Amino acid sequence: MATTETTDGSGPRARPAVAVRPLREEDVPAADRIMRLAFGTFLGLPEPLAFGGDAAHVQPRWRADPMATLGAEVGGELVGSNVATNWGSVGFFGPLTVRPDLWDQGVATQLLEATMAYFDAWGTTHAGLFTFPQSARHLHLYQKFDFWPRFLTPIMVKPVVTEGQTPTWTGYAGLAEGERAAALHACRELAEAVYPGLDLTREIRAAADQGLGDTVLVWDTTRLLAFAVCHAGPGSEAGTGTCYIKFGAARPGPEAGAHFDRLLAACEALAVGQGAARLVAGVNMGCHEAYLRLLARGFRTDMEGIAMQRRNDAGYHRPGVYVIDDWR
């Protein structure tokens, strides 16, 4: 075994032998427990396993793509996991979590080495992650893999307003099969206009097939102007009482801001229909105008993370791009 220094400087100790493999279905509950324990411990919660409430992050992502979810074993016991997400040319990973008693023992590094192999196999051209800006431990780990901190990503929340004008929109989940194919094509075409090769097909299908929420589609006659993949309710990435915009984008161009406003209104209408009390959206501050539109609509920052991007590449996080995505 390799050795590493103890965190208290008291001398070398044995580093555990780690085996990394795709997560199996029977591993998912244990991976979820480790995820909650790790985040709850890091954040100093009095009951670490209460982290996240009834929202789910490991299970829906495993179901969407089981082979892209990695588990780390020590002595045949699951001790950590990571999920790689494939959005066409764009990829990100997380939640990456390790059992707290094995922190700083190389488990996360080996999970990341396997994750980078996925990005290489997928031909990912823009990769990133969401992490804690105040944690030197996290920043140092990811920098070893050529991920660099760029803009803050505020997670913004607004109370859902049940009165007011209802915008015109359609939901992907309610479409007939032939209409779904056309909608997916339109979403791919719009995403391609935002960033070459960006493709949210997997997220759109997962939200509908797993009953996690719906994808909001805003049209101008036959042309898609904006779309957003939203989760709502327990067992999704939102949790009870919440509608969470996991990804949203408006068609680039002179009217992008107006299209984005219509999209936000449509997402709030979906939240009303889902019985949600609050609407959540994370926005990379590189998309400055999108952040301003969220502020104008009444969103306020609840917490902040930071986007770390491979090769320090901005990708589509730049002025003039109206995108919601927080890569959690």
C-alpha atoms as a PDB file:
ATOM      1  CA  MET A   1       0.000   0.000   0.000  1.00  0.00           C
ATOM      2  CA  ALA A   2       1.007   3.586  -0.554  1.00  0.00           C
ATOM      3  CA  THR A   3       1.325   5.769   2.512  1.00  0.00           C
ATOM      4  CA  THR A   4       0.113   9.245   3.277  1.00  0.00           C
ATOM      5  CA  GLU A   5       0.671  11.675   6.100  1.00  0.00           C
ATOM      6  CA  THR A   6      -2.026  11.858   8.728  1.00  0.00           C
ATOM      7  CA  THR A   7      -3.963  15.118   8.760  1.00  0.00           C
ATOM      8  CA  ASP A   8      -2.612  15.942  12.219  1.00  0.00           C
ATOM      9  CA  GLY A   9       0.998  15.505  11.083  1.00  0.00           C
ATOM     10  CA  SER A  10       1.698  12.607  13.439  1.00  0.00           C
ATOM     11  CA  GLY A  11       3.333  10.448  10.784  1.00  0.00           C
ATOM     12  CA  PRO A  12       2.605   8.108   7.889  1.00  0.00           C
ATOM     13  CA  ARG A  13      -0.249   5.655   7.873  1.00  0.00           C
ATOM     14  CA  ALA A  14      -1.395   3.025   5.425  1.00  0.00           C
ATOM     15  CA  ARG A  15      -3.568   4.265   2.580  1.00  0.00           C
ATOM     16  CA  PRO A  16      -6.437   1.857   1.927  1.00  0.00           C
ATOM     17  CA  ALA A  17      -6.593  -0.228  -1.240  1.00  0.00           C
ATOM     18  CA  VAL A  18      -9.483   1.186  -3.275  1.00  0.00           C
ATOM     19  CA  ALA A  19     -11.400  -0.535  -6.071  1.00  0.00           C
ATOM     20  CA  VAL A  20     -13.503   1.651  -8.364  1.00  0.00           C
ATOM     21  CA  ARG A  21     -16.337   0.172 -10.424  1.00  0.00           C
ATOM     22  CA  PRO A  22     -19.771   1.113 -11.801  1.00  0.00           C
ATOM     23  CA  LEU A  23     -22.364   1.387  -9.046  1.00  0.00           C
ATOM     24  CA  ARG A  24     -24.859  -1.468  -8.955  1.00  0.00           C
ATOM     25  CA  GLU A  25     -28.539  -1.019  -8.149  1.00  0.00           C
ATOM     26  CA  GLU A  26     -28.166  -2.661  -4.759  1.00  0.00           C
ATOM     27  CA  ASP A  27     -25.427  -0.104  -3.916  1.00  0.00           C
ATOM     28  CA  VAL A  28     -27.640   2.935  -4.445  1.00  0.00           C
ATOM     29  CA  PRO A  29     -29.126   3.155  -0.907  1.00  0.00           C
ATOM     30  CA  ALA A  30     -25.639   2.933   0.635  1.00  0.00           C
ATOM     31  CA  ALA A  31     -24.312   5.547  -1.808  1.00  0.00           C
ATOM     32  CA  ASP A  32     -27.197   7.847  -0.884  1.00  0.00           C
ATOM     33  CA  ARG A  33     -26.475   7.398   2.825  1.00  0.00           C
ATOM     34  CA  ILE A  34     -22.764   8.157   2.364  1.00  0.00           C
ATOM     35  CA  MET A  35     -23.643  11.238   0.310  1.00  0.00           C
ATOM     36  CA  ARG A  36     -25.886  12.615   3.067  1.00  0.00           C
ATOM     37  CA  LEU A  37     -23.405  11.736   5.812  1.00  0.00           C
ATOM     38  CA  ALA A  38     -20.511  13.363   3.952  1.00  0.00           C
ATOM     39  CA  PHE A  39     -22.274  16.623   3.101  1.00  0.00           C
ATOM     40  CA  GLY A  40     -23.972  16.812   6.498  1.00  0.00           C
ATOM     41  CA  THR A  41     -20.652  16.298   8.267  1.00  0.00           C
ATOM     42  CA  PHE A  42     -18.838  18.861   6.115  1.00  0.00           C
ATOM     43  CA  LEU A  43     -21.565  21.436   6.729  1.00  0.00           C
ATOM     44  CA  GLY A  44     -21.605  20.725  10.472  1.00  0.00           C
ATOM     45  CA  LEU A  45     -25.241  19.661  10.676  1.00  0.00           C
ATOM     46  CA  PRO A  46     -26.287  18.323  14.094  1.00  0.00           C
ATOM     47  CA  GLU A  47     -27.844  15.331  12.299  1.00  0.00           C
ATOM     48  CA  PRO A  48     -25.675  14.815   9.196  1.00  0.00           C
ATOM     49  CA  LEU A  49     -27.932  12.153   7.678  1.00  0.00           C
ATOM     50  CA  ALA A  50     -30.743  14.708   7.520  1.00  0.00           C
ATOM     51  CA  PHE A  51     -28.893  16.537   4.744  1.00  0.00           C
ATOM     52  CA  GLY A  52     -31.086  17.085   1.691  1.00  0.00           C
ATOM     53  CA  GLY A  53     -34.362  16.078   3.348  1.00  0.00           C
ATOM     54  CA  ASP A  54     -36.489  13.996   0.980  1.00  0.00           C
ATOM     55  CA  ALA A  55     -34.733  15.258  -2.149  1.00  0.00           C
ATOM     56  CA  ALA A  56     -32.751  12.607  -4.025  1.00  0.00           C
ATOM     57  CA  HIS A  57     -29.550  13.074  -5.997  1.00  0.00           C
ATOM     58  CA  VAL A  58     -27.938   9.648  -6.412  1.00  0.00           C
ATOM     59  CA  GLN A  59     -30.997   7.551  -7.296  1.00  0.00           C
ATOM     60  CA  PRO A  60     -32.382   9.614 -10.215  1.00  0.00           C
ATOM     61  CA  ARG A  61     -28.955  10.029 -11.802  1.00  0.00           C
ATOM     62  CA  TRP A  62     -28.182   6.327 -11.450  1.00  0.00           C
ATOM     63  CA  ARG A  63     -31.480   5.447 -13.142  1.00  0.00           C
ATOM     64  CA  ALA A  64     -30.785   7.899 -15.960  1.00  0.00           C
ATOM     65  CA  ASP A  65     -27.393   6.323 -16.733  1.00  0.00           C
ATOM     66  CA  PRO A  66     -26.288   3.445 -14.455  1.00  0.00           C
ATOM     67  CA  MET A  67     -22.899   3.022 -16.146  1.00  0.00           C
ATOM     68  CA  ALA A  68     -21.958   6.646 -15.467  1.00  0.00           C
ATOM     69  CA  THR A  69     -22.254   6.247 -11.686  1.00  0.00           C
ATOM     70  CA  LEU A  70     -19.083   5.060  -9.971  1.00  0.00           C
ATOM     71  CA  GLY A  71     -18.606   3.380  -6.621  1.00  0.00           C
ATOM     72  CA  ALA A  72     -15.432   3.069  -4.542  1.00  0.00           C
ATOM     73  CA  GLU A  73     -14.893  -0.028  -2.407  1.00  0.00           C
ATOM     74  CA  VAL A  74     -12.473  -0.714   0.423  1.00  0.00           C
ATOM     75  CA  GLY A  75     -12.376  -4.304   1.621  1.00  0.00           C
ATOM     76  CA  GLY A  76     -15.499  -5.069  -0.391  1.00  0.00           C
ATOM     77  CA  GLU A  77     -17.508  -2.304   1.319  1.00  0.00           C
ATOM     78  CA  LEU A  78     -18.831   0.744  -0.500  1.00  0.00           C
ATOM     79  CA  VAL A  79     -17.149   3.885   0.877  1.00  0.00           C
ATOM     80  CA  GLY A  80     -17.848   6.526  -1.773  1.00  0.00           C
ATOM     81  CA  SER A  81     -19.370   7.338  -5.136  1.00  0.00           C
ATOM     82  CA  ASN A  82     -19.413   9.833  -7.974  1.00  0.00           C
ATOM     83  CA  VAL A  83     -21.837  10.524 -10.799  1.00  0.00           C
ATOM     84  CA  ALA A  84     -20.722  11.708 -14.225  1.00  0.00           C
ATOM     85  CA  THR A  85     -23.362  13.495 -16.279  1.00  0.00           C
ATOM     86  CA  ASN A  86     -23.303  13.538 -20.079  1.00  0.00           C
ATOM     87  CA  TRP A  87     -24.953  16.523 -21.763  1.00  0.00           C
ATOM     88  CA  GLY A  88     -23.539  15.796 -25.202  1.00  0.00           C
ATOM     89  CA  SER A  89     -20.361  17.849 -25.578  1.00  0.00           C
ATOM     90  CA  VAL A  90     -20.758  19.097 -21.985  1.00  0.00           C
ATOM     91  CA  GLY A  91     -20.078  17.000 -18.906  1.00  0.00           C
ATOM     92  CA  PHE A  92     -19.975  17.536 -15.182  1.00  0.00           C
ATOM     93  CA  PHE A  93     -19.728  15.354 -12.119  1.00  0.00           C
ATOM     94  CA  GLY A  94     -21.177  15.126  -8.644  1.00  0.00           C
ATOM     95  CA  PRO A  95     -22.169  14.514  -6.024  1.00  0.00           C
ATOM     96  CA  LEU A  96     -18.677  13.137  -5.337  1.00  0.00           C
ATOM     97  CA  THR A  97     -18.725  11.876  -1.758  1.00  0.00           C
ATOM     98  CA  VAL A  98     -16.556   9.698   0.477  1.00  0.00           C
ATOM     99  CA  ARG A  99     -17.289   8.344   3.928  1.00  0.00           C
ATOM    100  CA  PRO A 100     -15.888  10.914   6.386  1.00  0.00           C
ATOM    101  CA  ASP A 101     -13.551   8.480   8.183  1.00  0.00           C
ATOM    102  CA  LEU A 102     -11.743   7.977   4.855  1.00  0.00           C
ATOM    103  CA  TRP A 103     -11.329  11.619   3.868  1.00  0.00           C
ATOM    104  CA  ASP A 104      -7.813  12.556   2.676  1.00  0.00           C
ATOM    105  CA  GLN A 105      -7.001   8.906   1.954  1.00  0.00           C
ATOM    106  CA  GLY A 106      -6.990   9.045  -1.854  1.00  0.00           C
ATOM    107  CA  VAL A 107     -10.501   7.635  -2.407  1.00  0.00           C
ATOM    108  CA  ALA A 108     -11.799  10.775  -4.133  1.00  0.00           C
ATOM    109  CA  THR A 109      -8.707  10.939  -6.328  1.00  0.00           C
ATOM    110  CA  GLN A 110      -9.298   7.436  -7.650  1.00  0.00           C
ATOM    111  CA  LEU A 111     -12.968   8.164  -8.285  1.00  0.00           C
ATOM    112  CA  LEU A 112     -11.934  11.262 -10.241  1.00  0.00           C
ATOM    113  CA  GLU A 113      -9.392   9.352 -12.327  1.00  0.00           C
ATOM    114  CA  ALA A 114     -12.167   6.998 -13.453  1.00  0.00           C
ATOM    115  CA  THR A 115     -14.517   9.932 -14.067  1.00  0.00           C
ATOM    116  CA  MET A 116     -12.017  11.659 -16.363  1.00  0.00           C
ATOM    117  CA  ALA A 117     -11.883   8.457 -18.421  1.00  0.00           C
ATOM    118  CA  TYR A 118     -15.642   8.796 -18.987  1.00  0.00           C
ATOM    119  CA  PHE A 119     -15.253  12.364 -20.230  1.00  0.00           C
ATOM    120  CA  ASP A 120     -12.503  11.251 -22.590  1.00  0.00           C
ATOM    121  CA  ALA A 121     -14.630   8.382 -23.942  1.00  0.00           C
ATOM    122  CA  TRP A 122     -17.623  10.679 -24.440  1.00  0.00           C
ATOM    123  CA  GLY A 123     -15.571  13.285 -26.303  1.00  0.00           C
ATOM    124  CA  THR A 124     -16.551  15.945 -23.751  1.00  0.00           C
ATOM    125  CA  THR A 125     -15.286  19.356 -24.859  1.00  0.00           C
ATOM    126  CA  HIS A 126     -16.441  21.354 -21.824  1.00  0.00           C
ATOM    127  CA  ALA A 127     -16.380  19.842 -18.336  1.00  0.00           C
ATOM    128  CA  GLY A 128     -16.981  21.254 -14.898  1.00  0.00           C
ATOM    129  CA  LEU A 129     -18.288  20.859 -11.381  1.00  0.00           C
ATOM    130  CA  PHE A 130     -19.968  22.745  -8.538  1.00  0.00           C
ATOM    131  CA  THR A 131     -18.211  22.953  -5.186  1.00  0.00           C
ATOM    132  CA  PHE A 132     -17.769  25.009  -2.024  1.00  0.00           C
ATOM    133  CA  PRO A 133     -15.780  28.212  -2.671  1.00  0.00           C
ATOM    134  CA  GLN A 134     -14.583  28.378   0.952  1.00  0.00           C
ATOM    135  CA  SER A 135     -13.044  24.882   0.954  1.00  0.00           C
ATOM    136  CA  ALA A 136      -9.327  24.826   0.123  1.00  0.00           C
ATOM    137  CA  ARG A 137      -9.467  21.011   0.333  1.00  0.00           C
ATOM    138  CA  HIS A 138     -11.988  20.778  -2.499  1.00  0.00           C
ATOM    139  CA  LEU A 139     -10.327  23.406  -4.676  1.00  0.00           C
ATOM    140  CA  HIS A 140      -6.928  21.731  -4.347  1.00  0.00           C
ATOM    141  CA  LEU A 141      -8.290  18.297  -5.213  1.00  0.00           C
ATOM    142  CA  TYR A 142     -10.018  19.438  -8.396  1.00  0.00           C
ATOM    143  CA  GLN A 143      -7.135  21.602  -9.545  1.00  0.00           C
ATOM    144  CA  LYS A 144      -5.026  18.428  -9.738  1.00  0.00           C
ATOM    145  CA  PHE A 145      -7.359  17.392 -12.570  1.00  0.00           C
ATOM    146  CA  ASP A 146      -7.114  20.740 -14.386  1.00  0.00           C
ATOM    147  CA  PHE A 147     -10.376  22.187 -13.039  1.00  0.00           C
ATOM    148  CA  TRP A 148     -10.118  25.839 -12.069  1.00  0.00           C
ATOM    149  CA  PRO A 149     -12.481  28.121 -10.148  1.00  0.00           C
ATOM    150  CA  ARG A 150     -14.190  30.746 -12.268  1.00  0.00           C
ATOM    151  CA  PHE A 151     -17.482  32.416 -11.356  1.00  0.00           C
ATOM    152  CA  LEU A 152     -19.652  32.027  -8.291  1.00  0.00           C
ATOM    153  CA  THR A 153     -22.921  30.157  -8.777  1.00  0.00           C
ATOM    154  CA  PRO A 154     -25.656  31.483  -6.476  1.00  0.00           C
ATOM    155  CA  ILE A 155     -28.527  29.110  -5.750  1.00  0.00           C
ATOM    156  CA  MET A 156     -31.491  31.463  -5.890  1.00  0.00           C
ATOM    157  CA  VAL A 157     -34.986  31.046  -4.452  1.00  0.00           C
ATOM    158  CA  LYS A 158     -38.293  32.864  -4.792  1.00  0.00           C
ATOM    159  CA  PRO A 159     -41.721  32.212  -3.273  1.00  0.00           C
ATOM    160  CA  VAL A 160     -44.143  30.857  -5.831  1.00  0.00           C
ATOM    161  CA  VAL A 161     -46.862  33.350  -6.718  1.00  0.00           C
ATOM    162  CA  THR A 162     -50.187  31.669  -7.463  1.00  0.00           C
ATOM    163  CA  GLU A 163     -51.902  34.711  -8.975  1.00  0.00           C
ATOM    164  CA  GLY A 164     -51.130  36.596 -12.140  1.00  0.00           C
ATOM    165  CA  GLN A 165     -51.064  36.104 -15.876  1.00  0.00           C
ATOM    166  CA  THR A 166     -50.372  32.539 -16.981  1.00  0.00           C
ATOM    167  CA  PRO A 167     -47.851  32.341 -19.838  1.00  0.00           C
ATOM    168  CA  THR A 168     -48.334  30.087 -22.832  1.00  0.00           C
ATOM    169  CA  TRP A 169     -46.210  26.961 -22.616  1.00  0.00           C
ATOM    170  CA  THR A 170     -46.384  23.199 -23.024  1.00  0.00           C
ATOM    171  CA  GLY A 171     -44.959  20.358 -20.955  1.00  0.00           C
ATOM    172  CA  TYR A 172     -42.927  17.553 -22.502  1.00  0.00           C
ATOM    173  CA  ALA A 173     -44.448  14.882 -20.236  1.00  0.00           C
ATOM    174  CA  GLY A 174     -47.941  15.501 -21.611  1.00  0.00           C
ATOM    175  CA  LEU A 175     -46.969  15.151 -25.273  1.00  0.00           C
ATOM    176  CA  ALA A 176     -47.788  12.165 -27.469  1.00  0.00           C
ATOM    177  CA  GLU A 177     -44.839  10.024 -28.558  1.00  0.00           C
ATOM    178  CA  GLY A 178     -44.529  11.631 -31.990  1.00  0.00           C
ATOM    179  CA  GLU A 179     -44.742  15.088 -30.461  1.00  0.00           C
ATOM    180  CA  ARG A 180     -42.041  14.145 -27.943  1.00  0.00           C
ATOM    181  CA  ALA A 181     -39.617  13.284 -30.729  1.00  0.00           C
ATOM    182  CA  ALA A 182     -40.204  16.666 -32.363  1.00  0.00           C
ATOM    183  CA  ALA A 183     -39.793  18.454 -29.014  1.00  0.00           C
ATOM    184  CA  LEU A 184     -36.505  16.681 -28.304  1.00  0.00           C
ATOM    185  CA  HIS A 185     -35.240  17.680 -31.748  1.00  0.00           C
ATOM    186  CA  ALA A 186     -36.211  21.304 -31.062  1.00  0.00           C
ATOM    187  CA  CYS A 187     -34.456  21.254 -27.673  1.00  0.00           C
ATOM    188  CA  ARG A 188     -31.297  19.833 -29.222  1.00  0.00           C
ATOM    189  CA  GLU A 189     -31.357  22.501 -31.919  1.00  0.00           C
ATOM    190  CA  LEU A 190     -31.750  25.299 -29.362  1.00  0.00           C
ATOM    191  CA  ALA A 191     -29.042  23.843 -27.100  1.00  0.00           C
ATOM    192  CA  GLU A 192     -26.713  23.590 -30.101  1.00  0.00           C
ATOM    193  CA  ALA A 193     -27.200  27.314 -30.633  1.00  0.00           C
ATOM    194  CA  VAL A 194     -26.101  27.924 -27.036  1.00  0.00           C
ATOM    195  CA  TYR A 195     -23.005  25.687 -27.236  1.00  0.00           C
ATOM    196  CA  PRO A 196     -21.953  23.254 -29.992  1.00  0.00           C
ATOM    197  CA  GLY A 197     -22.938  19.711 -29.081  1.00  0.00           C
ATOM    198  CA  LEU A 198     -24.876  20.590 -25.914  1.00  0.00           C
ATOM    199  CA  ASP A 199     -27.708  18.053 -25.589  1.00  0.00           C
ATOM    200  CA  LEU A 200     -30.185  17.754 -22.700  1.00  0.00           C
ATOM    201  CA  THR A 201     -32.040  14.734 -24.097  1.00  0.00           C
ATOM    202  CA  ARG A 202     -31.070  12.473 -21.187  1.00  0.00           C
ATOM    203  CA  GLU A 203     -32.268  14.997 -18.584  1.00  0.00           C
ATOM    204  CA  ILE A 204     -35.555  15.627 -20.392  1.00  0.00           C
ATOM    205  CA  ARG A 205     -36.338  11.931 -20.692  1.00  0.00           C
ATOM    206  CA  ALA A 206     -35.307  11.183 -17.106  1.00  0.00           C
ATOM    207  CA  ALA A 207     -37.623  13.856 -15.694  1.00  0.00           C
ATOM    208  CA  ALA A 208     -40.580  12.422 -17.632  1.00  0.00           C
ATOM    209  CA  ASP A 209     -39.823   8.699 -17.388  1.00  0.00           C
ATOM    210  CA  GLN A 210     -39.018   8.757 -13.659  1.00  0.00           C
ATOM    211  CA  GLY A 211     -41.820  11.148 -12.745  1.00  0.00           C
ATOM    212  CA  LEU A 212     -39.330  13.683 -11.369  1.00  0.00           C
ATOM    213  CA  GLY A 213     -41.054  16.705 -12.886  1.00  0.00           C
ATOM    214  CA  ASP A 214     -41.420  18.050 -16.408  1.00  0.00           C
ATOM    215  CA  THR A 215     -39.699  20.038 -19.122  1.00  0.00           C
ATOM    216  CA  VAL A 216     -41.223  23.449 -19.848  1.00  0.00           C
ATOM    217  CA  LEU A 217     -41.371  24.354 -23.555  1.00  0.00           C
ATOM    218  CA  VAL A 218     -41.972  27.950 -24.665  1.00  0.00           C
ATOM    219  CA  TRP A 219     -42.888  28.298 -28.338  1.00  0.00           C
ATOM    220  CA  ASP A 220     -43.474  30.986 -30.919  1.00  0.00           C
ATOM    221  CA  THR A 221     -45.907  29.198 -33.229  1.00  0.00           C
ATOM    222  CA  THR A 222     -43.643  26.319 -34.318  1.00  0.00           C
ATOM    223  CA  ARG A 223     -40.226  27.568 -33.142  1.00  0.00           C
ATOM    224  CA  LEU A 224     -38.907  26.744 -29.683  1.00  0.00           C
ATOM    225  CA  LEU A 225     -37.832  29.927 -27.888  1.00  0.00           C
ATOM    226  CA  ALA A 226     -36.774  28.462 -24.540  1.00  0.00           C
ATOM    227  CA  PHE A 227     -36.959  25.302 -22.473  1.00  0.00           C
ATOM    228  CA  ALA A 228     -36.256  24.230 -18.890  1.00  0.00           C
ATOM    229  CA  VAL A 229     -35.919  20.826 -17.228  1.00  0.00           C
ATOM    230  CA  CYS A 230     -37.630  21.075 -13.829  1.00  0.00           C
ATOM    231  CA  HIS A 231     -37.795  18.708 -10.873  1.00  0.00           C
ATOM    232  CA  ALA A 232     -40.542  18.891  -8.264  1.00  0.00           C
ATOM    233  CA  GLY A 233     -41.499  17.046  -5.104  1.00  0.00           C
ATOM    234  CA  PRO A 234     -40.060  14.256  -2.941  1.00  0.00           C
ATOM    235  CA  GLY A 235     -37.745  11.725  -4.567  1.00  0.00           C
ATOM    236  CA  SER A 236     -36.615  14.257  -7.155  1.00  0.00           C
ATOM    237  CA  GLU A 237     -33.681  16.659  -6.863  1.00  0.00           C
ATOM    238  CA  ALA A 238     -36.129  19.286  -5.597  1.00  0.00           C
ATOM    239  CA  GLY A 239     -37.771  17.776  -2.520  1.00  0.00           C
ATOM    240  CA  THR A 240     -41.127  18.502  -0.929  1.00  0.00           C
ATOM    241  CA  GLY A 241     -42.563  21.936  -1.594  1.00  0.00           C
ATOM    242  CA  THR A 242     -39.912  22.878  -4.154  1.00  0.00           C
ATOM    243  CA  CYS A 243     -39.736  23.200  -7.921  1.00  0.00           C
ATOM    244  CA  TYR A 244     -36.093  23.164  -9.044  1.00  0.00           C
ATOM    245  CA  ILE A 245     -34.951  24.368 -12.470  1.00  0.00           C
ATOM    246  CA  LYS A 246     -32.101  21.959 -13.180  1.00  0.00           C
ATOM    247  CA  PHE A 247     -31.375  23.410 -16.617  1.00  0.00           C
ATOM    248  CA  GLY A 248     -32.941  26.217 -18.585  1.00  0.00           C
ATOM    249  CA  ALA A 249     -31.946  28.096 -21.719  1.00  0.00           C
ATOM    250  CA  ALA A 250     -33.342  30.781 -23.997  1.00  0.00           C
ATOM    251  CA  ARG A 251     -32.611  30.933 -27.708  1.00  0.00           C
ATOM    252  CA  PRO A 252     -29.627  33.240 -28.323  1.00  0.00           C
ATOM    253  CA  GLY A 253     -30.256  36.500 -30.158  1.00  0.00           C
ATOM    254  CA  PRO A 254     -31.581  40.016 -29.629  1.00  0.00           C
ATOM    255  CA  GLU A 255     -34.770  38.735 -27.971  1.00  0.00           C
ATOM    256  CA  ALA A 256     -33.055  36.240 -25.667  1.00  0.00           C
ATOM    257  CA  GLY A 257     -33.802  38.266 -22.541  1.00  0.00           C
ATOM    258  CA  ALA A 258     -37.509  38.441 -23.316  1.00  0.00           C
ATOM    259  CA  HIS A 259     -37.583  34.704 -24.085  1.00  0.00           C
ATOM    260  CA  PHE A 260     -35.842  34.051 -20.753  1.00  0.00           C
ATOM    261  CA  ASP A 261     -38.468  36.093 -18.903  1.00  0.00           C
ATOM    262  CA  ARG A 262     -41.212  34.017 -20.523  1.00  0.00           C
ATOM    263  CA  LEU A 263     -39.370  30.859 -19.504  1.00  0.00           C
ATOM    264  CA  LEU A 264     -39.142  31.941 -15.859  1.00  0.00           C
ATOM    265  CA  ALA A 265     -42.863  32.743 -15.843  1.00  0.00           C
ATOM    266  CA  ALA A 266     -43.637  29.336 -17.346  1.00  0.00           C
ATOM    267  CA  CYS A 267     -41.486  27.569 -14.738  1.00  0.00           C
ATOM    268  CA  GLU A 268     -43.381  29.379 -11.999  1.00  0.00           C
ATOM    269  CA  ALA A 269     -46.663  28.271 -13.585  1.00  0.00           C
ATOM    270  CA  LEU A 270     -45.381  24.686 -13.514  1.00  0.00           C
ATOM    271  CA  ALA A 271     -44.469  25.151  -9.848  1.00  0.00           C
ATOM    272  CA  VAL A 272     -48.020  26.290  -9.129  1.00  0.00           C
ATOM    273  CA  GLY A 273     -49.393  23.202 -10.836  1.00  0.00           C
ATOM    274  CA  GLN A 274     -47.042  21.005  -8.796  1.00  0.00           C
ATOM    275  CA  GLY A 275     -48.167  22.610  -5.534  1.00  0.00           C
ATOM    276  CA  ALA A 276     -44.669  23.932  -4.827  1.00  0.00           C
ATOM    277  CA  ALA A 277     -44.161  26.817  -2.424  1.00  0.00           C
ATOM    278  CA  ARG A 278     -40.798  27.896  -3.787  1.00  0.00           C
ATOM    279  CA  LEU A 279     -38.924  27.975  -7.074  1.00  0.00           C
ATOM    280  CA  VAL A 280     -35.155  27.333  -7.088  1.00  0.00           C
ATOM    281  CA  ALA A 281     -32.633  28.182  -9.819  1.00  0.00           C
ATOM    282  CA  GLY A 282     -28.846  28.210  -9.863  1.00  0.00           C
ATOM    283  CA  VAL A 283     -27.090  30.550 -12.277  1.00  0.00           C
ATOM    284  CA  ASN A 284     -23.398  30.872 -13.121  1.00  0.00           C
ATOM    285  CA  MET A 285     -22.426  34.517 -12.644  1.00  0.00           C
ATOM    286  CA  GLY A 286     -20.636  34.374 -15.979  1.00  0.00           C
ATOM    287  CA  CYS A 287     -24.154  34.614 -17.427  1.00  0.00           C
ATOM    288  CA  HIS A 288     -24.513  38.092 -15.953  1.00  0.00           C
ATOM    289  CA  GLU A 289     -27.712  39.117 -17.740  1.00  0.00           C
ATOM    290  CA  ALA A 290     -29.474  35.900 -16.714  1.00  0.00           C
ATOM    291  CA  TYR A 291     -28.570  36.627 -13.088  1.00  0.00           C
ATOM    292  CA  LEU A 292     -30.013  40.140 -13.386  1.00  0.00           C
ATOM    293  CA  ARG A 293     -33.277  38.781 -14.840  1.00  0.00           C
ATOM    294  CA  LEU A 294     -33.609  36.376 -11.913  1.00  0.00           C
ATOM    295  CA  LEU A 295     -33.095  39.227  -9.464  1.00  0.00           C
ATOM    296  CA  ALA A 296     -35.701  41.325 -11.260  1.00  0.00           C
ATOM    297  CA  ARG A 297     -38.224  38.488 -10.974  1.00  0.00           C
ATOM    298  CA  GLY A 298     -37.776  38.262  -7.207  1.00  0.00           C
ATOM    299  CA  PHE A 299     -35.183  35.520  -6.826  1.00  0.00           C
ATOM    300  CA  ARG A 300     -32.748  35.949  -3.934  1.00  0.00           C
ATOM    301  CA  THR A 301     -29.559  34.050  -3.130  1.00  0.00           C
ATOM    302  CA  ASP A 302     -29.985  31.208  -0.633  1.00  0.00           C
ATOM    303  CA  MET A 303     -26.435  29.788  -0.853  1.00  0.00           C
ATOM    304  CA  GLU A 304     -23.403  30.099  -3.102  1.00  0.00           C
ATOM    305  CA  GLY A 305     -21.126  27.613  -4.783  1.00  0.00           C
ATOM    306  CA  ILE A 306     -18.445  28.032  -7.373  1.00  0.00           C
ATOM    307  CA  ALA A 307     -18.113  26.516 -10.831  1.00  0.00           C
ATOM    308  CA  MET A 308     -14.749  24.909 -11.560  1.00  0.00           C
ATOM    309  CA  GLN A 309     -14.160  24.383 -15.253  1.00  0.00           C
ATOM    310  CA  ARG A 310     -11.642  22.151 -16.981  1.00  0.00           C
ATOM    311  CA  ARG A 311      -8.762  23.947 -18.655  1.00  0.00           C
ATOM    312  CA  ASN A 312     -10.263  27.177 -17.251  1.00  0.00           C
ATOM    313  CA  ASP A 313     -12.622  27.202 -20.236  1.00  0.00           C
ATOM    314  CA  ALA A 314     -15.662  29.469 -19.922  1.00  0.00           C
ATOM    315  CA  GLY A 315     -17.779  27.335 -22.263  1.00  0.00           C
ATOM    316  CA  TYR A 316     -21.235  28.895 -22.506  1.00  0.00           C
ATOM    317  CA  HIS A 317     -20.933  30.763 -19.197  1.00  0.00           C
ATOM    318  CA  ARG A 318     -20.408  34.190 -20.706  1.00  0.00           C
ATOM    319  CA  PRO A 319     -22.235  37.503 -21.162  1.00  0.00           C
ATOM    320  CA  GLY A 320     -25.251  37.417 -23.446  1.00  0.00           C
ATOM    321  CA  VAL A 321     -26.060  33.757 -22.709  1.00  0.00           C
ATOM    322  CA  TYR A 322     -29.289  33.096 -20.819  1.00  0.00           C
ATOM    323  CA  VAL A 323     -28.771  29.743 -19.116  1.00  0.00           C
ATOM    324  CA  ILE A 324     -29.709  28.269 -15.738  1.00  0.00           C
ATOM    325  CA  ASP A 325     -27.514  25.396 -14.523  1.00  0.00           C
ATOM    326  CA  ASP A 326     -25.686  24.917 -11.243  1.00  0.00           C
ATOM    327  CA  TRP A 327     -23.986  21.523 -11.804  1.00  0.00           C
ATOM    328  CA  ARG A 328     -24.780  20.288  -8.292  1.00  0.00           C
END
